[in-house]
Amino acid sequence: KSVAGGAYTVSTAAAATIRSTIRRLRELAEA
């Protein structure tokens, strides 16, 4: 349970980072 939870947390953090990165790239592209 702890392993799955840890993996889920890491995946969520990675997804959030990727989203923020894509968001910046979109803003730069539009600007």
Protein backbone atom coordinates (compact mmCIF):
# COMPACT_ATOMS: atom_id res chain seq x y z
CA LYS A 1 0.00 0.00 0.00
CA SER A 2 2.81 2.42 0.91
CA VAL A 3 4.69 1.58 -2.30
CA ALA A 4 1.64 2.15 -4.52
CA GLY A 5 0.84 5.37 -2.66
CA GLY A 6 4.40 6.62 -3.08
CA ALA A 7 4.37 5.80 -6.79
CA TYR A 8 1.02 7.59 -7.15
CA THR A 9 2.40 10.68 -5.41
CA VAL A 10 5.49 10.74 -7.63
CA SER A 11 3.35 10.35 -10.76
CA THR A 12 1.08 13.18 -9.65
CA ALA A 13 4.02 15.48 -8.96
CA ALA A 14 5.54 14.64 -12.35
CA ALA A 15 2.24 15.30 -14.09
CA ALA A 16 1.92 18.67 -12.34
CA THR A 17 5.46 19.62 -13.38
CA ILE A 18 4.81 18.61 -16.99
CA ARG A 19 1.57 20.61 -17.05
CA SER A 20 3.27 23.73 -15.69
CA THR A 21 6.11 23.33 -18.20
CA ILE A 22 3.72 22.98 -21.14
CA ARG A 23 1.80 25.99 -19.87
CA ARG A 24 4.98 28.11 -19.91
CA LEU A 25 5.88 26.92 -23.41
CA ARG A 26 2.38 27.83 -24.65
CA GLU A 27 2.62 31.31 -23.11
CA LEU A 28 6.05 31.86 -24.66
CA ALA A 29 4.83 30.61 -28.03
CA GLU A 30 1.80 32.93 -27.97
CA ALA A 31 3.89 35.88 -26.80
